Amino acid sequence: MGAMSGPLLRLVVLFGGVSAEHDVSCVTAAHVLAAADRAKYDLVPIGIAKDGTWLRNDKAIAALVEGGDLPDSLEPAGTVVDPLAVIRGDGQPNPTVVLPLLHGPHGEDGTIQGLLELFGVPYVGSGVLGSALCMDKAAAKIVAQQAGIPQCRWVEFRDGIDDSETVVARAVEQLGLPVFVKPANMGSSVGITKAHDAAELDRAIDIALRYDDVVVIEEAVVGREIEVAVLGTTSPETSVPGEILPGSDFYDYEDKYVTGAARLVIPAGIPDAATVEVQELAARAFAALRCSGLARVDFFYEEEGRGWLLNEVNTIPGFTPGSMYPKMWEATGLPYADLIDRLVTLALETHRRRAGFATDH
């Protein structure tokens, strides 16, 4: 137990999930468990299998207790548990905070956050609205536009509502070619296609529709890819910016998670004035999109053109020690284990603040 007073905090680490980003999440969870301070937390790794079953990883818990080594990736395997009992901590004396490390749909999109809100459990990260907004690229763009945050030009296609021929023609006319076509609600570059002509654009829309019924078509921006990590609630802190130098034609899923060809440069080699600008824009985007706790805000930087353009906001960014978000904080002076502590503290503060709101009138 060490010198810590009071009960340990029960930290439920949720990983896996039913999205296409299941595997990334399993790697992230292993790193978080390895780095979290065992003198402060009773760590409870809960894997969500691809069929939606919740499983407590008993092998990982045993390794944590015995001080053994954890695998590089956690399996959603072990004892089948009741989701509600686990998140509420039924029969557990210690207070619970949930850390959802679920990338993509059913994890990053407000659904798990809604479950936790319903049962009054503190959790790390953005709430229902912020999570849902940032997950839906089309909705996020509309809100960012309203907030006056600069971004690349784009066109939306809604299945069953819009006529694809009309949208294809409009996209070519307004955005030029090539364009990027993305399902509105997938993260990690899944389902994204670069289209060089109208026929490719038509096919790209069909590919994106496998993942979602809303598709975003964006102009191809020739700019540097610069990201900023944001941490906090109402007056958040921003990290030094980092730059991604892609290994392939665009920063795709293979680059990020398979080949690791992309190089991360931290801090990004940009002028001081540009750094201040992008940090301010990142904080503005964080507030406009109702984020809380943490977010990685991604920009394009057109040095000879329009300057900063918001690309997207990730409310549950990659969180392995090699991921951009923790690395940018480390470069800013906040190491990985301390970052986890800060996020848990923010979760408790947010929960306390919101619990204080009046429920009657």
Protein backbone atom coordinates (compact mmCIF):
# COMPACT_ATOMS: atom_id res chain seq x y z
CA MET A 1 0.00 0.00 0.00
CA GLY A 2 2.95 2.31 0.59
CA ALA A 3 2.56 5.75 2.13
CA MET A 4 -0.74 6.53 0.47
CA SER A 5 -3.53 7.32 2.85
CA GLY A 6 -7.13 6.24 2.31
CA PRO A 7 -8.46 3.60 -0.02
CA LEU A 8 -7.00 2.98 -3.46
CA LEU A 9 -8.91 4.38 -6.37
CA ARG A 10 -10.42 1.65 -8.51
CA LEU A 11 -9.43 2.43 -12.11
CA VAL A 12 -11.44 0.43 -14.62
CA VAL A 13 -9.56 0.34 -17.92
CA LEU A 14 -12.00 -0.42 -20.74
CA PHE A 15 -10.39 -1.70 -23.94
CA GLY A 16 -11.09 -3.66 -27.11
CA GLY A 17 -14.59 -2.88 -28.29
CA VAL A 18 -16.68 -3.70 -31.31
CA SER A 19 -15.11 -1.17 -33.71
CA ALA A 20 -12.53 -1.71 -36.43
CA GLU A 21 -9.96 -0.21 -34.04
CA HIS A 22 -10.24 -3.04 -31.54
CA ASP A 23 -6.59 -4.14 -31.87
CA VAL A 24 -5.12 -0.65 -31.38
CA SER A 25 -7.11 -0.33 -28.17
CA CYS A 26 -5.73 -3.64 -26.83
CA VAL A 27 -2.15 -2.36 -27.28
CA THR A 28 -2.98 0.97 -25.62
CA ALA A 29 -4.49 -0.76 -22.57
CA ALA A 30 -1.35 -2.84 -21.98
CA HIS A 31 0.78 0.33 -21.90
CA VAL A 32 -1.57 2.22 -19.58
CA LEU A 33 -1.67 -0.70 -17.11
CA ALA A 34 2.12 -0.98 -17.18
CA ALA A 35 2.60 2.75 -16.50
CA ALA A 36 -0.18 3.50 -14.00
CA ASP A 37 0.98 3.86 -10.40
CA ARG A 38 0.05 0.63 -8.58
CA ALA A 39 0.43 2.40 -5.23
CA LYS A 40 -2.49 4.67 -6.17
CA TYR A 41 -4.77 2.48 -8.26
CA ASP A 42 -6.53 -0.82 -8.04
CA LEU A 43 -6.36 -1.53 -11.78
CA VAL A 44 -9.22 -3.45 -13.34
CA PRO A 45 -8.69 -4.28 -17.04
CA ILE A 46 -12.00 -5.00 -18.75
CA GLY A 47 -11.89 -6.14 -22.36
CA ILE A 48 -14.90 -5.81 -24.62
CA ALA A 49 -14.84 -8.63 -27.17
CA LYS A 50 -15.83 -8.03 -30.79
CA ASP A 51 -19.21 -9.64 -30.05
CA GLY A 52 -19.82 -7.17 -27.21
CA THR A 53 -19.09 -9.49 -24.25
CA TRP A 54 -17.33 -7.82 -21.29
CA LEU A 55 -14.43 -9.84 -19.83
CA ARG A 56 -12.18 -9.20 -16.85
CA ASN A 57 -8.57 -10.00 -17.76
CA ASP A 58 -7.59 -12.02 -14.69
CA LYS A 59 -4.13 -12.87 -16.06
CA ALA A 60 -3.26 -9.18 -16.34
CA ILE A 61 -4.61 -8.51 -12.82
CA ALA A 62 -2.46 -11.35 -11.44
CA ALA A 63 0.61 -9.97 -13.24
CA LEU A 64 -0.08 -6.52 -11.73
CA VAL A 65 -0.45 -7.93 -8.22
CA GLU A 66 2.66 -10.11 -8.48
CA GLY A 67 4.68 -7.41 -10.21
CA GLY A 68 5.05 -9.57 -13.31
CA ASP A 69 5.37 -8.44 -16.91
CA LEU A 70 2.33 -7.55 -18.98
CA PRO A 71 2.03 -8.59 -22.63
CA ASP A 72 2.41 -5.96 -25.39
CA SER A 73 -1.28 -6.29 -26.17
CA LEU A 74 -4.12 -7.32 -23.84
CA GLU A 75 -6.61 -9.91 -24.97
CA PRO A 76 -10.27 -9.38 -24.14
CA ALA A 77 -10.22 -12.74 -22.34
CA GLY A 78 -10.93 -13.99 -18.85
CA THR A 79 -14.02 -13.98 -16.67
CA VAL A 80 -17.28 -12.82 -18.25
CA VAL A 81 -18.60 -9.94 -16.16
CA ASP A 82 -21.79 -7.92 -15.92
CA PRO A 83 -21.00 -4.48 -17.42
CA LEU A 84 -23.12 -2.59 -14.91
CA ALA A 85 -21.67 -4.30 -11.83
CA VAL A 86 -18.14 -3.64 -13.08
CA ILE A 87 -18.53 0.05 -13.81
CA ARG A 88 -20.49 0.76 -10.65
CA GLY A 89 -18.06 -1.28 -8.57
CA ASP A 90 -20.83 -3.27 -6.89
CA GLY A 91 -19.57 -4.63 -3.57
CA GLN A 92 -16.27 -2.72 -3.88
CA PRO A 93 -15.29 -0.35 -1.06
CA ASN A 94 -13.10 1.85 -3.29
CA PRO A 95 -14.35 4.71 -5.47
CA THR A 96 -14.29 3.98 -9.22
CA VAL A 97 -13.09 6.00 -12.21
CA VAL A 98 -13.49 4.52 -15.69
CA LEU A 99 -10.82 5.07 -18.34
CA PRO A 100 -12.41 4.28 -21.72
CA LEU A 101 -9.61 3.37 -24.13
CA LEU A 102 -12.08 2.42 -26.84
CA HIS A 103 -11.27 4.06 -30.16
CA GLY A 104 -13.97 4.60 -32.76
CA PRO A 105 -17.68 3.72 -32.65
CA HIS A 106 -19.20 2.42 -29.35
CA GLY A 107 -16.32 3.88 -27.39
CA GLU A 108 -15.33 7.31 -28.59
CA ASP A 109 -18.75 8.34 -29.88
CA GLY A 110 -20.66 9.14 -26.68
CA THR A 111 -22.37 5.77 -26.28
CA ILE A 112 -20.17 4.42 -23.47
CA GLN A 113 -20.08 7.93 -21.97
CA GLY A 114 -23.90 7.90 -21.88
CA LEU A 115 -23.87 4.58 -20.05
CA LEU A 116 -21.45 5.96 -17.46
CA GLU A 117 -23.49 9.17 -17.06
CA LEU A 118 -26.66 7.16 -16.48
CA PHE A 119 -25.09 5.35 -13.56
CA GLY A 120 -23.22 8.32 -12.14
CA VAL A 121 -19.71 6.92 -12.64
CA PRO A 122 -16.78 9.35 -13.07
CA TYR A 123 -14.84 8.74 -16.30
CA VAL A 124 -11.88 10.15 -18.17
CA GLY A 125 -12.46 12.33 -21.22
CA SER A 126 -15.23 14.15 -23.03
CA GLY A 127 -18.91 13.79 -22.23
CA VAL A 128 -21.71 12.52 -24.43
CA LEU A 129 -22.04 15.58 -26.68
CA GLY A 130 -18.34 16.32 -27.12
CA SER A 131 -17.58 12.67 -27.88
CA ALA A 132 -20.43 12.33 -30.37
CA LEU A 133 -19.63 15.62 -32.09
CA CYS A 134 -15.94 14.91 -32.60
CA MET A 135 -16.68 11.36 -33.76
CA ASP A 136 -18.99 12.61 -36.50
CA LYS A 137 -16.68 14.44 -38.89
CA ALA A 138 -19.58 16.13 -40.70
CA ALA A 139 -21.22 17.47 -37.51
CA ALA A 140 -17.81 18.56 -36.15
CA LYS A 141 -17.12 20.57 -39.30
CA ILE A 142 -20.48 22.34 -39.07
CA VAL A 143 -19.86 23.33 -35.43
CA ALA A 144 -16.25 24.40 -36.12
CA GLN A 145 -17.46 26.51 -39.06
CA GLN A 146 -20.02 28.18 -36.79
CA ALA A 147 -17.25 28.90 -34.27
CA GLY A 148 -15.16 30.57 -37.00
CA ILE A 149 -12.36 28.01 -36.90
CA PRO A 150 -10.62 27.74 -40.30
CA GLN A 151 -10.77 24.32 -42.00
CA CYS A 152 -10.41 22.76 -45.42
CA ARG A 153 -13.30 22.87 -47.92
CA TRP A 154 -15.65 19.90 -47.81
CA VAL A 155 -18.94 18.45 -49.04
CA GLU A 156 -21.26 16.07 -47.19
CA PHE A 157 -23.06 13.05 -48.67
CA ARG A 158 -25.95 11.44 -46.73
CA ASP A 159 -27.07 8.01 -47.89
CA GLY A 160 -30.74 7.86 -48.86
CA ILE A 161 -31.05 11.66 -48.76
CA ASP A 162 -28.54 13.01 -51.27
CA ASP A 163 -28.21 12.03 -54.90
CA SER A 164 -24.69 10.73 -55.48
CA GLU A 165 -24.35 12.09 -59.04
CA THR A 166 -25.27 15.57 -57.86
CA VAL A 167 -22.87 15.41 -54.91
CA VAL A 168 -20.03 14.03 -57.05
CA ALA A 169 -20.48 16.86 -59.56
CA ARG A 170 -20.66 19.46 -56.78
CA ALA A 171 -17.57 18.07 -55.03
CA VAL A 172 -15.50 18.12 -58.24
CA GLU A 173 -16.63 21.67 -58.98
CA GLN A 174 -16.17 23.09 -55.47
CA LEU A 175 -13.19 21.11 -54.21
CA GLY A 176 -11.26 20.22 -57.34
CA LEU A 177 -9.41 16.91 -57.63
CA PRO A 178 -8.06 14.82 -56.01
CA VAL A 179 -10.30 14.59 -52.93
CA PHE A 180 -10.35 12.46 -49.79
CA VAL A 181 -13.50 10.51 -49.02
CA LYS A 182 -14.17 9.49 -45.41
CA PRO A 183 -16.99 7.80 -43.50
CA ALA A 184 -18.19 10.43 -41.01
CA ASN A 185 -17.87 8.12 -37.98
CA MET A 186 -14.73 6.02 -38.34
CA GLY A 187 -11.45 6.89 -36.73
CA SER A 188 -7.90 5.82 -37.59
CA SER A 189 -8.13 6.32 -41.33
CA VAL A 190 -10.34 3.23 -41.83
CA GLY A 191 -12.50 3.42 -44.97
CA ILE A 192 -10.71 6.50 -46.32
CA THR A 193 -9.98 6.72 -50.05
CA LYS A 194 -8.15 9.25 -52.20
CA ALA A 195 -10.13 9.82 -55.41
CA HIS A 196 -8.50 11.28 -58.52
CA ASP A 197 -11.55 11.54 -60.82
CA ALA A 198 -15.37 11.41 -60.75
CA ALA A 199 -15.53 7.62 -61.27
CA GLU A 200 -13.08 6.99 -58.39
CA LEU A 201 -15.04 9.43 -56.26
CA ASP A 202 -18.25 7.49 -56.90
CA ARG A 203 -16.55 4.21 -55.89
CA ALA A 204 -14.94 5.86 -52.85
CA ILE A 205 -18.38 6.94 -51.60
CA ASP A 206 -19.54 3.30 -51.83
CA ILE A 207 -16.50 2.14 -49.82
CA ALA A 208 -17.15 4.76 -47.12
CA LEU A 209 -20.84 3.77 -46.99
CA ARG A 210 -19.79 0.32 -45.73
CA TYR A 211 -18.86 2.05 -42.47
CA ASP A 212 -21.43 4.83 -42.11
CA ASP A 213 -24.42 6.43 -43.81
CA VAL A 214 -22.82 9.89 -43.78
CA VAL A 215 -19.73 10.52 -45.91
CA VAL A 216 -17.43 13.54 -45.92
CA ILE A 217 -15.61 14.57 -49.11
CA GLU A 218 -12.66 16.90 -48.48
CA GLU A 219 -10.31 18.84 -50.69
CA ALA A 220 -6.75 17.49 -50.74
CA VAL A 221 -4.73 19.99 -48.74
CA VAL A 222 -1.04 20.39 -49.51
CA GLY A 223 0.16 21.32 -46.07
CA ARG A 224 2.17 20.09 -43.14
CA GLU A 225 0.38 17.90 -40.58
CA ILE A 226 0.70 19.50 -37.17
CA GLU A 227 -1.00 18.30 -33.99
CA VAL A 228 -1.52 19.77 -30.52
CA ALA A 229 -2.41 17.90 -27.32
CA VAL A 230 -5.00 19.54 -25.10
CA LEU A 231 -5.57 18.71 -21.42
CA GLY A 232 -8.10 20.17 -18.98
CA THR A 233 -11.68 21.35 -18.84
CA THR A 234 -12.81 24.98 -18.96
CA SER A 235 -9.40 26.65 -19.37
CA PRO A 236 -7.34 23.82 -20.85
CA GLU A 237 -3.58 23.59 -21.30
CA THR A 238 -1.96 22.97 -24.67
CA SER A 239 1.23 21.07 -25.44
CA VAL A 240 4.08 21.92 -27.76
CA PRO A 241 2.94 21.06 -31.31
CA GLY A 242 4.18 17.93 -33.06
CA GLU A 243 4.51 17.21 -36.77
CA ILE A 244 3.76 14.04 -38.70
CA LEU A 245 5.90 13.25 -41.72
CA PRO A 246 3.93 10.55 -43.55
CA GLY A 247 5.70 7.54 -45.00
CA SER A 248 3.05 7.01 -47.70
CA ASP A 249 0.81 9.10 -49.93
CA PHE A 250 -1.30 10.04 -46.93
CA TYR A 251 -1.11 9.17 -43.23
CA ASP A 252 -3.13 5.96 -43.42
CA TYR A 253 -3.96 3.13 -41.05
CA GLU A 254 -0.93 1.09 -42.19
CA ASP A 255 1.38 4.04 -41.53
CA LYS A 256 -0.04 4.62 -38.08
CA TYR A 257 -0.28 1.14 -36.70
CA VAL A 258 1.28 -1.46 -38.98
CA THR A 259 4.42 -0.26 -40.74
CA GLY A 260 5.09 2.71 -38.45
CA ALA A 261 6.54 4.49 -41.48
CA ALA A 262 5.35 7.91 -40.38
CA ARG A 263 7.86 9.94 -38.41
CA LEU A 264 6.84 12.13 -35.50
CA VAL A 265 8.79 15.36 -34.97
CA ILE A 266 8.32 17.00 -31.55
CA PRO A 267 8.39 19.93 -31.20
CA ALA A 268 7.36 20.78 -34.76
CA GLY A 269 9.83 23.04 -36.55
CA ILE A 270 7.56 26.05 -36.93
CA PRO A 271 8.06 29.72 -35.95
CA ASP A 272 7.13 30.78 -32.40
CA ALA A 273 4.28 32.98 -33.63
CA ALA A 274 2.79 30.02 -35.54
CA THR A 275 3.09 27.85 -32.41
CA VAL A 276 1.13 30.37 -30.34
CA GLU A 277 -1.51 30.60 -33.10
CA VAL A 278 -2.02 26.85 -33.37
CA GLN A 279 -2.16 26.39 -29.58
CA GLU A 280 -4.87 29.07 -29.37
CA LEU A 281 -6.81 27.47 -32.23
CA ALA A 282 -6.52 24.04 -30.58
CA ALA A 283 -7.96 25.41 -27.31
CA ARG A 284 -10.76 27.13 -29.26
CA ALA A 285 -11.63 23.94 -31.14
CA PHE A 286 -11.57 21.99 -27.84
CA ALA A 287 -14.10 24.43 -26.34
CA ALA A 288 -16.29 24.75 -29.45
CA LEU A 289 -16.64 20.98 -29.78
CA ARG A 290 -17.44 20.60 -26.04
CA CYS A 291 -14.36 18.52 -25.26
CA SER A 292 -13.24 17.72 -21.73
CA GLY A 293 -10.25 15.99 -20.18
CA LEU A 294 -8.16 15.30 -23.24
CA ALA A 295 -8.12 15.69 -27.00
CA ARG A 296 -5.59 15.68 -29.80
CA VAL A 297 -6.34 18.47 -32.25
CA ASP A 298 -4.99 17.91 -35.76
CA PHE A 299 -4.25 20.71 -38.22
CA PHE A 300 -2.94 21.26 -41.73
CA TYR A 301 -0.46 24.11 -42.04
CA GLU A 302 -0.42 25.83 -45.42
CA GLU A 303 2.68 27.96 -45.07
CA GLU A 304 2.24 29.75 -48.40
CA GLY A 305 -1.55 29.72 -48.37
CA ARG A 306 -4.33 29.94 -45.81
CA GLY A 307 -2.21 29.16 -42.75
CA TRP A 308 -3.88 26.90 -40.18
CA LEU A 309 -6.74 24.59 -41.16
CA LEU A 310 -8.42 22.33 -38.61
CA ASN A 311 -8.42 18.71 -39.77
CA GLU A 312 -10.06 16.87 -36.86
CA VAL A 313 -10.32 16.49 -33.11
CA ASN A 314 -9.72 13.10 -31.47
CA THR A 315 -11.29 12.72 -28.02
CA ILE A 316 -9.61 9.35 -27.33
CA PRO A 317 -6.30 9.74 -29.16
CA GLY A 318 -3.72 6.98 -29.46
CA PHE A 319 -2.29 6.56 -25.99
CA THR A 320 0.70 4.22 -26.18
CA PRO A 321 3.98 5.82 -25.04
CA GLY A 322 4.90 6.03 -28.74
CA SER A 323 1.68 7.85 -29.65
CA MET A 324 1.64 11.52 -30.51
CA TYR A 325 -0.57 12.62 -27.59
CA PRO A 326 1.58 11.36 -24.67
CA LYS A 327 4.80 12.21 -26.54
CA MET A 328 3.75 15.85 -26.99
CA TRP A 329 2.97 16.09 -23.26
CA GLU A 330 6.28 14.48 -22.38
CA ALA A 331 8.05 17.10 -24.51
CA THR A 332 6.04 19.77 -22.67
CA GLY A 333 7.20 18.42 -19.30
CA LEU A 334 4.45 16.00 -18.28
CA PRO A 335 5.59 12.33 -18.24
CA TYR A 336 3.28 9.43 -19.14
CA ALA A 337 2.46 8.21 -15.60
CA ASP A 338 1.77 11.79 -14.43
CA LEU A 339 -0.46 12.33 -17.45
CA ILE A 340 -2.59 9.36 -16.38
CA ASP A 341 -2.87 10.89 -12.86
CA ARG A 342 -3.91 14.26 -14.28
CA LEU A 343 -6.63 12.64 -16.41
CA VAL A 344 -8.03 10.72 -13.43
CA THR A 345 -8.04 13.90 -11.30
CA LEU A 346 -9.85 15.79 -14.08
CA ALA A 347 -12.43 12.98 -14.30
CA LEU A 348 -13.17 13.29 -10.57
CA GLU A 349 -13.31 17.11 -10.71
CA THR A 350 -15.70 17.08 -13.68
CA HIS A 351 -17.89 14.51 -11.97
CA ARG A 352 -18.04 16.52 -8.75
CA ARG A 353 -18.82 19.75 -10.59
CA ARG A 354 -21.64 18.20 -12.59
CA ALA A 355 -23.04 16.35 -9.60
CA GLY A 356 -23.51 19.76 -7.96
CA PHE A 357 -25.93 21.06 -10.59
CA ALA A 358 -29.55 21.49 -9.54
CA THR A 359 -31.92 18.75 -10.65
CA ASP A 360 -35.11 20.53 -9.63
CA HIS A 361 -36.39 23.99 -10.59
